[in-house]
Structure formats: structure tokens, C-alpha cells
Full PDB file with SEQRES, HELIX, SHEET, SSBOND, CRYST1, ORIGX, SCALE, CONECT and MASTER records, all heavy atoms in Angstrom:
SEQRES   1 A   39  GLN ALA SER CYS CYS ALA ASP LYS VAL HIS CYS CYS PRO          
SEQRES   2 A   39  HIS ALA THR VAL CYS ASP LEU ALA ARG GLY ARG CYS LEU          
SEQRES   3 A   39  SER SER ALA GLY ASP VAL PRO MET GLY THR ALA PHE PRO          
SHEET    1 AA1 3 SER A   3  CYS A   4  0                                        
SHEET    2 AA1 3 HIS A  10  CYS A  12 -1                                        
SHEET    3 AA1 3 GLY A  35  THR A  36 -1                                        
SHEET    1 AA2 3 VAL A  17  ASP A  19  0                                        
SHEET    2 AA2 3 ARG A  24  LEU A  26 -1                                        
SHEET    3 AA2 3 VAL A  32  PRO A  33 -1                                        
SSBOND   1 CYS A    5    CYS A   18                          1555   1555  2.07  
SSBOND   2 CYS A   12    CYS A   25                          1555   1555  2.04  
CRYST1    1.000    1.000    1.000  90.00  90.00  90.00 P 1           1          
ORIGX1      1.000000  0.000000  0.000000        0.00000                         
ORIGX2      0.000000  1.000000  0.000000        0.00000                         
ORIGX3      0.000000  0.000000  1.000000        0.00000                         
SCALE1      1.000000  0.000000  0.000000        0.00000                         
SCALE2      0.000000  1.000000  0.000000        0.00000                         
SCALE3      0.000000  0.000000  1.000000        0.00000                         
ATOM      1  N   GLN A   1     -80.699 -71.704  65.954  1.00  0.00           N  
ATOM      2  CA  GLN A   1     -81.612 -72.856  66.096  1.00  0.00           C  
ATOM      3  C   GLN A   1     -81.180 -74.040  65.232  1.00  0.00           C  
ATOM      4  O   GLN A   1     -81.983 -74.675  64.558  1.00  0.00           O  
ATOM      5  CB  GLN A   1     -83.047 -72.442  65.734  1.00  0.00           C  
ATOM      6  CG  GLN A   1     -83.578 -71.369  66.665  1.00  0.00           C  
ATOM      7  CD  GLN A   1     -84.954 -70.886  66.259  1.00  0.00           C  
ATOM      8  OE1 GLN A   1     -85.323 -70.938  65.080  1.00  0.00           O  
ATOM      9  NE2 GLN A   1     -85.712 -70.414  67.212  1.00  0.00           N  
ATOM     10  N   ALA A   2     -79.871 -74.334  65.268  1.00  0.00           N  
ATOM     11  CA  ALA A   2     -79.308 -75.382  64.411  1.00  0.00           C  
ATOM     12  C   ALA A   2     -79.627 -76.781  64.929  1.00  0.00           C  
ATOM     13  O   ALA A   2     -80.004 -76.955  66.083  1.00  0.00           O  
ATOM     14  CB  ALA A   2     -77.799 -75.209  64.323  1.00  0.00           C  
ATOM     15  N   SER A   3     -79.445 -77.763  64.051  1.00  0.00           N  
ATOM     16  CA  SER A   3     -79.508 -79.178  64.436  1.00  0.00           C  
ATOM     17  C   SER A   3     -78.087 -79.611  64.756  1.00  0.00           C  
ATOM     18  O   SER A   3     -77.183 -79.432  63.934  1.00  0.00           O  
ATOM     19  CB  SER A   3     -80.035 -80.023  63.274  1.00  0.00           C  
ATOM     20  OG  SER A   3     -81.304 -79.572  62.860  1.00  0.00           O  
ATOM     21  N   CYS A   4     -77.866 -80.171  65.950  1.00  0.00           N  
ATOM     22  CA  CYS A   4     -76.544 -80.670  66.325  1.00  0.00           C  
ATOM     23  C   CYS A   4     -76.446 -82.112  65.829  1.00  0.00           C  
ATOM     24  O   CYS A   4     -77.328 -82.922  66.098  1.00  0.00           O  
ATOM     25  CB  CYS A   4     -76.371 -80.628  67.841  1.00  0.00           C  
ATOM     26  SG  CYS A   4     -76.595 -78.976  68.549  1.00  0.00           S  
ATOM     27  N   CYS A   5     -75.375 -82.427  65.110  1.00  0.00           N  
ATOM     28  CA  CYS A   5     -75.234 -83.778  64.548  1.00  0.00           C  
ATOM     29  C   CYS A   5     -74.729 -84.769  65.593  1.00  0.00           C  
ATOM     30  O   CYS A   5     -74.081 -84.377  66.571  1.00  0.00           O  
ATOM     31  CB  CYS A   5     -74.286 -83.746  63.354  1.00  0.00           C  
ATOM     32  SG  CYS A   5     -74.890 -82.700  62.002  1.00  0.00           S  
ATOM     33  N   ALA A   6     -75.019 -86.036  65.377  1.00  0.00           N  
ATOM     34  CA  ALA A   6     -74.693 -87.101  66.335  1.00  0.00           C  
ATOM     35  C   ALA A   6     -73.195 -87.303  66.515  1.00  0.00           C  
ATOM     36  O   ALA A   6     -72.763 -87.834  67.534  1.00  0.00           O  
ATOM     37  CB  ALA A   6     -75.341 -88.412  65.888  1.00  0.00           C  
ATOM     38  N   ASP A   7     -72.360 -86.877  65.536  1.00  0.00           N  
ATOM     39  CA  ASP A   7     -70.912 -87.040  65.680  1.00  0.00           C  
ATOM     40  C   ASP A   7     -70.315 -86.029  66.668  1.00  0.00           C  
ATOM     41  O   ASP A   7     -69.144 -86.097  66.993  1.00  0.00           O  
ATOM     42  CB  ASP A   7     -70.208 -86.939  64.327  1.00  0.00           C  
ATOM     43  CG  ASP A   7     -70.309 -85.555  63.695  1.00  0.00           C  
ATOM     44  OD1 ASP A   7     -71.029 -84.678  64.231  1.00  0.00           O  
ATOM     45  OD2 ASP A   7     -69.660 -85.339  62.639  1.00  0.00           O  
ATOM     46  N   LYS A   8     -71.128 -85.102  67.147  1.00  0.00           N  
ATOM     47  CA  LYS A   8     -70.724 -84.073  68.117  1.00  0.00           C  
ATOM     48  C   LYS A   8     -69.576 -83.205  67.596  1.00  0.00           C  
ATOM     49  O   LYS A   8     -68.774 -82.684  68.372  1.00  0.00           O  
ATOM     50  CB  LYS A   8     -70.371 -84.693  69.469  1.00  0.00           C  
ATOM     51  CG  LYS A   8     -71.577 -85.375  70.115  1.00  0.00           C  
ATOM     52  CD  LYS A   8     -71.296 -85.850  71.505  1.00  0.00           C  
ATOM     53  CE  LYS A   8     -72.570 -86.420  72.130  1.00  0.00           C  
ATOM     54  NZ  LYS A   8     -72.338 -87.018  73.424  1.00  0.00           N  
ATOM     55  N   VAL A   9     -69.499 -83.060  66.267  1.00  0.00           N  
ATOM     56  CA  VAL A   9     -68.503 -82.208  65.631  1.00  0.00           C  
ATOM     57  C   VAL A   9     -69.204 -81.219  64.697  1.00  0.00           C  
ATOM     58  O   VAL A   9     -68.882 -80.043  64.663  1.00  0.00           O  
ATOM     59  CB  VAL A   9     -67.469 -83.038  64.824  1.00  0.00           C  
ATOM     60  CG1 VAL A   9     -66.515 -82.137  64.042  1.00  0.00           C  
ATOM     61  CG2 VAL A   9     -66.696 -83.966  65.749  1.00  0.00           C  
ATOM     62  N   HIS A  10     -70.194 -81.746  63.956  1.00  0.00           N  
ATOM     63  CA  HIS A  10     -70.862 -80.950  62.933  1.00  0.00           C  
ATOM     64  C   HIS A  10     -72.262 -80.517  63.355  1.00  0.00           C  
ATOM     65  O   HIS A  10     -72.822 -81.031  64.322  1.00  0.00           O  
ATOM     66  CB  HIS A  10     -70.924 -81.747  61.607  1.00  0.00           C  
ATOM     67  CG  HIS A  10     -69.579 -82.051  61.048  1.00  0.00           C  
ATOM     68  ND1 HIS A  10     -68.943 -83.257  61.278  1.00  0.00           N  
ATOM     69  CD2 HIS A  10     -68.742 -81.294  60.299  1.00  0.00           C  
ATOM     70  CE1 HIS A  10     -67.773 -83.237  60.680  1.00  0.00           C  
ATOM     71  NE2 HIS A  10     -67.622 -82.058  60.078  1.00  0.00           N  
ATOM     72  N   CYS A  11     -72.829 -79.601  62.558  1.00  0.00           N  
ATOM     73  CA  CYS A  11     -74.193 -79.145  62.786  1.00  0.00           C  
ATOM     74  C   CYS A  11     -74.795 -78.713  61.460  1.00  0.00           C  
ATOM     75  O   CYS A  11     -74.079 -78.486  60.484  1.00  0.00           O  
ATOM     76  CB  CYS A  11     -74.217 -78.001  63.792  1.00  0.00           C  
ATOM     77  SG  CYS A  11     -73.201 -76.586  63.321  1.00  0.00           S  
ATOM     78  N   CYS A  12     -76.102 -78.613  61.449  1.00  0.00           N  
ATOM     79  CA  CYS A  12     -76.826 -78.278  60.222  1.00  0.00           C  
ATOM     80  C   CYS A  12     -77.829 -77.162  60.494  1.00  0.00           C  
ATOM     81  O   CYS A  12     -78.269 -76.989  61.641  1.00  0.00           O  
ATOM     82  CB  CYS A  12     -77.571 -79.514  59.707  1.00  0.00           C  
ATOM     83  SG  CYS A  12     -76.473 -80.720  58.913  1.00  0.00           S  
ATOM     84  N   PRO A  13     -78.216 -76.409  59.448  1.00  0.00           N  
ATOM     85  CA  PRO A  13     -79.187 -75.334  59.653  1.00  0.00           C  
ATOM     86  C   PRO A  13     -80.511 -75.845  60.206  1.00  0.00           C  
ATOM     87  O   PRO A  13     -80.835 -77.036  60.091  1.00  0.00           O  
ATOM     88  CB  PRO A  13     -79.376 -74.747  58.251  1.00  0.00           C  
ATOM     89  CG  PRO A  13     -78.165 -75.155  57.484  1.00  0.00           C  
ATOM     90  CD  PRO A  13     -77.749 -76.475  58.053  1.00  0.00           C  
ATOM     91  N   HIS A  14     -81.268 -74.930  60.807  1.00  0.00           N  
ATOM     92  CA  HIS A  14     -82.583 -75.230  61.368  1.00  0.00           C  
ATOM     93  C   HIS A  14     -83.450 -75.950  60.329  1.00  0.00           C  
ATOM     94  O   HIS A  14     -83.429 -75.605  59.160  1.00  0.00           O  
ATOM     95  CB  HIS A  14     -83.247 -73.909  61.791  1.00  0.00           C  
ATOM     96  CG  HIS A  14     -84.581 -74.088  62.435  1.00  0.00           C  
ATOM     97  ND1 HIS A  14     -84.741 -74.765  63.623  1.00  0.00           N  
ATOM     98  CD2 HIS A  14     -85.823 -73.679  62.054  1.00  0.00           C  
ATOM     99  CE1 HIS A  14     -86.025 -74.767  63.942  1.00  0.00           C  
ATOM    100  NE2 HIS A  14     -86.702 -74.117  63.015  1.00  0.00           N  
ATOM    101  N   ALA A  15     -84.196 -76.963  60.757  1.00  0.00           N  
ATOM    102  CA  ALA A  15     -85.138 -77.729  59.918  1.00  0.00           C  
ATOM    103  C   ALA A  15     -84.446 -78.541  58.821  1.00  0.00           C  
ATOM    104  O   ALA A  15     -85.057 -78.869  57.814  1.00  0.00           O  
ATOM    105  CB  ALA A  15     -86.197 -76.806  59.310  1.00  0.00           C  
ATOM    106  N   THR A  16     -83.151 -78.878  59.019  1.00  0.00           N  
ATOM    107  CA  THR A  16     -82.491 -79.822  58.111  1.00  0.00           C  
ATOM    108  C   THR A  16     -82.031 -81.021  58.940  1.00  0.00           C  
ATOM    109  O   THR A  16     -82.029 -80.975  60.165  1.00  0.00           O  
ATOM    110  CB  THR A  16     -81.272 -79.194  57.388  1.00  0.00           C  
ATOM    111  OG1 THR A  16     -80.271 -78.873  58.353  1.00  0.00           O  
ATOM    112  CG2 THR A  16     -81.653 -77.945  56.611  1.00  0.00           C  
ATOM    113  N   VAL A  17     -81.640 -82.088  58.254  1.00  0.00           N  
ATOM    114  CA  VAL A  17     -81.243 -83.329  58.918  1.00  0.00           C  
ATOM    115  C   VAL A  17     -79.774 -83.609  58.588  1.00  0.00           C  
ATOM    116  O   VAL A  17     -79.351 -83.460  57.438  1.00  0.00           O  
ATOM    117  CB  VAL A  17     -82.129 -84.508  58.445  1.00  0.00           C  
ATOM    118  CG1 VAL A  17     -81.679 -85.829  59.064  1.00  0.00           C  
ATOM    119  CG2 VAL A  17     -83.587 -84.227  58.787  1.00  0.00           C  
ATOM    120  N   CYS A  18     -79.006 -84.041  59.598  1.00  0.00           N  
ATOM    121  CA  CYS A  18     -77.593 -84.383  59.396  1.00  0.00           C  
ATOM    122  C   CYS A  18     -77.491 -85.707  58.641  1.00  0.00           C  
ATOM    123  O   CYS A  18     -78.083 -86.710  59.052  1.00  0.00           O  
ATOM    124  CB  CYS A  18     -76.880 -84.547  60.740  1.00  0.00           C  
ATOM    125  SG  CYS A  18     -76.912 -83.084  61.793  1.00  0.00           S  
ATOM    126  N   ASP A  19     -76.734 -85.723  57.531  1.00  0.00           N  
ATOM    127  CA  ASP A  19     -76.404 -86.960  56.825  1.00  0.00           C  
ATOM    128  C   ASP A  19     -74.896 -87.125  56.954  1.00  0.00           C  
ATOM    129  O   ASP A  19     -74.124 -86.601  56.137  1.00  0.00           O  
ATOM    130  CB  ASP A  19     -76.834 -86.879  55.352  1.00  0.00           C  
ATOM    131  CG  ASP A  19     -76.542 -88.172  54.586  1.00  0.00           C  
ATOM    132  OD1 ASP A  19     -75.784 -89.020  55.115  1.00  0.00           O  
ATOM    133  OD2 ASP A  19     -77.051 -88.317  53.466  1.00  0.00           O  
ATOM    134  N   LEU A  20     -74.466 -87.807  58.034  1.00  0.00           N  
ATOM    135  CA  LEU A  20     -73.039 -87.918  58.331  1.00  0.00           C  
ATOM    136  C   LEU A  20     -72.293 -88.706  57.265  1.00  0.00           C  
ATOM    137  O   LEU A  20     -71.127 -88.412  56.982  1.00  0.00           O  
ATOM    138  CB  LEU A  20     -72.838 -88.550  59.713  1.00  0.00           C  
ATOM    139  CG  LEU A  20     -73.335 -87.697  60.896  1.00  0.00           C  
ATOM    140  CD1 LEU A  20     -73.296 -88.481  62.194  1.00  0.00           C  
ATOM    141  CD2 LEU A  20     -72.502 -86.425  61.027  1.00  0.00           C  
ATOM    142  N   ALA A  21     -72.934 -89.703  56.643  1.00  0.00           N  
ATOM    143  CA  ALA A  21     -72.285 -90.535  55.629  1.00  0.00           C  
ATOM    144  C   ALA A  21     -71.832 -89.681  54.440  1.00  0.00           C  
ATOM    145  O   ALA A  21     -70.751 -89.888  53.899  1.00  0.00           O  
ATOM    146  CB  ALA A  21     -73.235 -91.637  55.166  1.00  0.00           C  
ATOM    147  N   ARG A  22     -72.665 -88.721  54.064  1.00  0.00           N  
ATOM    148  CA  ARG A  22     -72.324 -87.887  52.906  1.00  0.00           C  
ATOM    149  C   ARG A  22     -71.805 -86.497  53.317  1.00  0.00           C  
ATOM    150  O   ARG A  22     -71.447 -85.703  52.447  1.00  0.00           O  
ATOM    151  CB  ARG A  22     -73.542 -87.738  51.987  1.00  0.00           C  
ATOM    152  CG  ARG A  22     -73.879 -89.070  51.289  1.00  0.00           C  
ATOM    153  CD  ARG A  22     -74.879 -88.900  50.194  1.00  0.00           C  
ATOM    154  NE  ARG A  22     -76.186 -88.505  50.731  1.00  0.00           N  
ATOM    155  CZ  ARG A  22     -77.131 -87.904  50.019  1.00  0.00           C  
ATOM    156  NH1 ARG A  22     -76.945 -87.632  48.758  1.00  0.00           N  
ATOM    157  NH2 ARG A  22     -78.285 -87.590  50.586  1.00  0.00           N  
ATOM    158  N   GLY A  23     -71.799 -86.216  54.622  1.00  0.00           N  
ATOM    159  CA  GLY A  23     -71.312 -84.919  55.087  1.00  0.00           C  
ATOM    160  C   GLY A  23     -72.177 -83.758  54.611  1.00  0.00           C  
ATOM    161  O   GLY A  23     -71.668 -82.683  54.290  1.00  0.00           O  
ATOM    162  N   ARG A  24     -73.487 -84.001  54.548  1.00  0.00           N  
ATOM    163  CA  ARG A  24     -74.410 -82.976  54.042  1.00  0.00           C  
ATOM    164  C   ARG A  24     -75.549 -82.767  55.043  1.00  0.00           C  
ATOM    165  O   ARG A  24     -75.789 -83.586  55.914  1.00  0.00           O  
ATOM    166  CB  ARG A  24     -75.029 -83.405  52.692  1.00  0.00           C  
ATOM    167  CG  ARG A  24     -74.060 -83.810  51.613  1.00  0.00           C  
ATOM    168  CD  ARG A  24     -73.284 -82.680  50.990  1.00  0.00           C  
ATOM    169  NE  ARG A  24     -74.131 -81.799  50.187  1.00  0.00           N  
ATOM    170  CZ  ARG A  24     -73.741 -80.634  49.694  1.00  0.00           C  
ATOM    171  NH1 ARG A  24     -72.520 -80.201  49.942  1.00  0.00           N  
ATOM    172  NH2 ARG A  24     -74.543 -79.900  48.971  1.00  0.00           N  
ATOM    173  N   CYS A  25     -76.260 -81.662  54.854  1.00  0.00           N  
ATOM    174  CA  CYS A  25     -77.468 -81.377  55.617  1.00  0.00           C  
ATOM    175  C   CYS A  25     -78.630 -81.505  54.635  1.00  0.00           C  
ATOM    176  O   CYS A  25     -78.661 -80.809  53.612  1.00  0.00           O  
ATOM    177  CB  CYS A  25     -77.418 -79.960  56.188  1.00  0.00           C  
ATOM    178  SG  CYS A  25     -75.971 -79.667  57.241  1.00  0.00           S  
ATOM    179  N   LEU A  26     -79.566 -82.404  54.945  1.00  0.00           N  
ATOM    180  CA  LEU A  26     -80.654 -82.700  54.013  1.00  0.00           C  
ATOM    181  C   LEU A  26     -81.909 -81.902  54.343  1.00  0.00           C  
ATOM    182  O   LEU A  26     -82.289 -81.783  55.504  1.00  0.00           O  
ATOM    183  CB  LEU A  26     -80.996 -84.196  54.046  1.00  0.00           C  
ATOM    184  CG  LEU A  26     -79.828 -85.184  53.898  1.00  0.00           C  
ATOM    185  CD1 LEU A  26     -80.340 -86.614  54.008  1.00  0.00           C  
ATOM    186  CD2 LEU A  26     -79.107 -84.968  52.580  1.00  0.00           C  
ATOM    187  N   SER A  27     -82.530 -81.346  53.287  1.00  0.00           N  
ATOM    188  CA  SER A  27     -83.836 -80.697  53.445  1.00  0.00           C  
ATOM    189  C   SER A  27     -84.605 -80.849  52.155  1.00  0.00           C  
ATOM    190  O   SER A  27     -84.034 -81.179  51.115  1.00  0.00           O  
ATOM    191  CB  SER A  27     -83.669 -79.212  53.789  1.00  0.00           C  
ATOM    192  OG  SER A  27     -83.369 -78.459  52.632  1.00  0.00           O  
ATOM    193  N   SER A  28     -85.897 -80.597  52.199  1.00  0.00           N  
ATOM    194  CA  SER A  28     -86.726 -80.730  50.996  1.00  0.00           C  
ATOM    195  C   SER A  28     -86.322 -79.691  49.946  1.00  0.00           C  
ATOM    196  O   SER A  28     -86.542 -79.886  48.754  1.00  0.00           O  
ATOM    197  CB  SER A  28     -88.209 -80.564  51.355  1.00  0.00           C  
ATOM    198  OG  SER A  28     -88.392 -79.339  52.049  1.00  0.00           O  
ATOM    199  N   ALA A  29     -85.689 -78.599  50.374  1.00  0.00           N  
ATOM    200  CA  ALA A  29     -85.275 -77.554  49.436  1.00  0.00           C  
ATOM    201  C   ALA A  29     -83.916 -77.857  48.800  1.00  0.00           C  
ATOM    202  O   ALA A  29     -83.472 -77.124  47.926  1.00  0.00           O  
ATOM    203  CB  ALA A  29     -85.217 -76.210  50.153  1.00  0.00           C  
ATOM    204  N   GLY A  30     -83.247 -78.931  49.232  1.00  0.00           N  
ATOM    205  CA  GLY A  30     -81.935 -79.278  48.681  1.00  0.00           C  
ATOM    206  C   GLY A  30     -80.909 -79.468  49.783  1.00  0.00           C  
ATOM    207  O   GLY A  30     -81.144 -79.105  50.929  1.00  0.00           O  
ATOM    208  N   ASP A  31     -79.773 -80.073  49.423  1.00  0.00           N  
ATOM    209  CA  ASP A  31     -78.730 -80.371  50.385  1.00  0.00           C  
ATOM    210  C   ASP A  31     -77.786 -79.176  50.526  1.00  0.00           C  
ATOM    211  O   ASP A  31     -77.528 -78.460  49.560  1.00  0.00           O  
ATOM    212  CB  ASP A  31     -77.905 -81.588  49.926  1.00  0.00           C  
ATOM    213  CG  ASP A  31     -78.765 -82.846  49.836  1.00  0.00           C  
ATOM    214  OD1 ASP A  31     -79.945 -82.775  50.203  1.00  0.00           O  
ATOM    215  OD2 ASP A  31     -78.231 -83.880  49.402  1.00  0.00           O  
ATOM    216  N   VAL A  32     -77.258 -78.990  51.744  1.00  0.00           N  
ATOM    217  CA  VAL A  32     -76.254 -77.943  51.986  1.00  0.00           C  
ATOM    218  C   VAL A  32     -75.098 -78.558  52.759  1.00  0.00           C  
ATOM    219  O   VAL A  32     -75.274 -79.574  53.434  1.00  0.00           O  
ATOM    220  CB  VAL A  32     -76.843 -76.732  52.764  1.00  0.00           C  
ATOM    221  CG1 VAL A  32     -77.846 -75.967  51.929  1.00  0.00           C  
ATOM    222  CG2 VAL A  32     -77.451 -77.157  54.077  1.00  0.00           C  
ATOM    223  N   PRO A  33     -73.887 -77.967  52.692  1.00  0.00           N  
ATOM    224  CA  PRO A  33     -72.756 -78.522  53.443  1.00  0.00           C  
ATOM    225  C   PRO A  33     -72.976 -78.367  54.960  1.00  0.00           C  
ATOM    226  O   PRO A  33     -73.682 -77.475  55.403  1.00  0.00           O  
ATOM    227  CB  PRO A  33     -71.555 -77.671  53.009  1.00  0.00           C  
ATOM    228  CG  PRO A  33     -72.015 -76.813  51.879  1.00  0.00           C  
ATOM    229  CD  PRO A  33     -73.510 -76.798  51.897  1.00  0.00           C  
ATOM    230  N   MET A  34     -72.332 -79.236  55.718  1.00  0.00           N  
ATOM    231  CA  MET A  34     -72.428 -79.188  57.174  1.00  0.00           C  
ATOM    232  C   MET A  34     -71.572 -78.056  57.722  1.00  0.00           C  
ATOM    233  O   MET A  34     -70.560 -77.699  57.133  1.00  0.00           O  
ATOM    234  CB  MET A  34     -71.927 -80.497  57.795  1.00  0.00           C  
ATOM    235  CG  MET A  34     -72.848 -81.652  57.588  1.00  0.00           C  
ATOM    236  SD  MET A  34     -72.188 -83.084  58.448  1.00  0.00           S  
ATOM    237  CE  MET A  34     -73.678 -84.027  58.638  1.00  0.00           C  
ATOM    238  N   GLY A  35     -71.982 -77.539  58.871  1.00  0.00           N  
ATOM    239  CA  GLY A  35     -71.167 -76.571  59.593  1.00  0.00           C  
ATOM    240  C   GLY A  35     -70.368 -77.292  60.658  1.00  0.00           C  
ATOM    241  O   GLY A  35     -70.652 -78.441  60.993  1.00  0.00           O  
ATOM    242  N   THR A  36     -69.343 -76.622  61.184  1.00  0.00           N  
ATOM    243  CA  THR A  36     -68.522 -77.184  62.258  1.00  0.00           C  
ATOM    244  C   THR A  36     -68.643 -76.281  63.482  1.00  0.00           C  
ATOM    245  O   THR A  36     -68.564 -75.059  63.360  1.00  0.00           O  
ATOM    246  CB  THR A  36     -67.042 -77.268  61.827  1.00  0.00           C  
ATOM    247  OG1 THR A  36     -66.981 -77.979  60.596  1.00  0.00           O  
ATOM    248  CG2 THR A  36     -66.204 -77.991  62.867  1.00  0.00           C  
ATOM    249  N   ALA A  37     -68.825 -76.900  64.634  1.00  0.00           N  
ATOM    250  CA  ALA A  37     -68.951 -76.128  65.873  1.00  0.00           C  
ATOM    251  C   ALA A  37     -67.585 -75.610  66.307  1.00  0.00           C  
ATOM    252  O   ALA A  37     -66.562 -76.243  66.057  1.00  0.00           O  
ATOM    253  CB  ALA A  37     -69.561 -76.992  66.963  1.00  0.00           C  
ATOM    254  N   PHE A  38     -67.575 -74.441  66.933  1.00  0.00           N  
ATOM    255  CA  PHE A  38     -66.348 -73.890  67.526  1.00  0.00           C  
ATOM    256  C   PHE A  38     -66.569 -73.832  69.037  1.00  0.00           C  
ATOM    257  O   PHE A  38     -67.712 -73.865  69.491  1.00  0.00           O  
ATOM    258  CB  PHE A  38     -66.018 -72.508  66.929  1.00  0.00           C  
ATOM    259  CG  PHE A  38     -67.113 -71.480  67.057  1.00  0.00           C  
ATOM    260  CD1 PHE A  38     -67.189 -70.638  68.169  1.00  0.00           C  
ATOM    261  CD2 PHE A  38     -68.077 -71.346  66.054  1.00  0.00           C  
ATOM    262  CE1 PHE A  38     -68.194 -69.700  68.274  1.00  0.00           C  
ATOM    263  CE2 PHE A  38     -69.088 -70.410  66.161  1.00  0.00           C  
ATOM    264  CZ  PHE A  38     -69.148 -69.580  67.276  1.00  0.00           C  
ATOM    265  N   PRO A  39     -65.499 -73.751  69.825  1.00  0.00           N  
ATOM    266  CA  PRO A  39     -65.675 -73.828  71.288  1.00  0.00           C  
ATOM    267  C   PRO A  39     -66.528 -72.671  71.845  1.00  0.00           C  
ATOM    268  O   PRO A  39     -66.425 -71.542  71.380  1.00  0.00           O  
ATOM    269  CB  PRO A  39     -64.242 -73.737  71.834  1.00  0.00           C  
ATOM    270  CG  PRO A  39     -63.356 -74.060  70.682  1.00  0.00           C  
ATOM    271  CD  PRO A  39     -64.091 -73.648  69.446  1.00  0.00           C  
TER     272      PRO A  39                                                      
CONECT   32  125                                                                
CONECT   83  178                                                                
CONECT  125   32                                                                
CONECT  178   83                                                                
MASTER        0    0    0    0    6    0    0    6  271    1    4    3          
END                                                                             
């Protein structure tokens, strides 16, 4: 149930927001690194 990022390359865990400028996934519990989609 991930969030797909607008760059169509990265994704973030469920209930987090993609911050493409910083390459992070934002949530109230803290930032986490972005994931990358595979085919």
C-alpha cells in the first residue's frame, strides 16, 4: 500500500508523503529514505 512518487521512479511507505527535493519520505513519525520501483 505504498505511495507512488510523482517522478515515477520512487515510492514511499504507506501514509507517508514523497519529498522529491530531499529524496525522503515524510511522516509525522520522522523521515525515511525513498524506495525504488522494480519492473
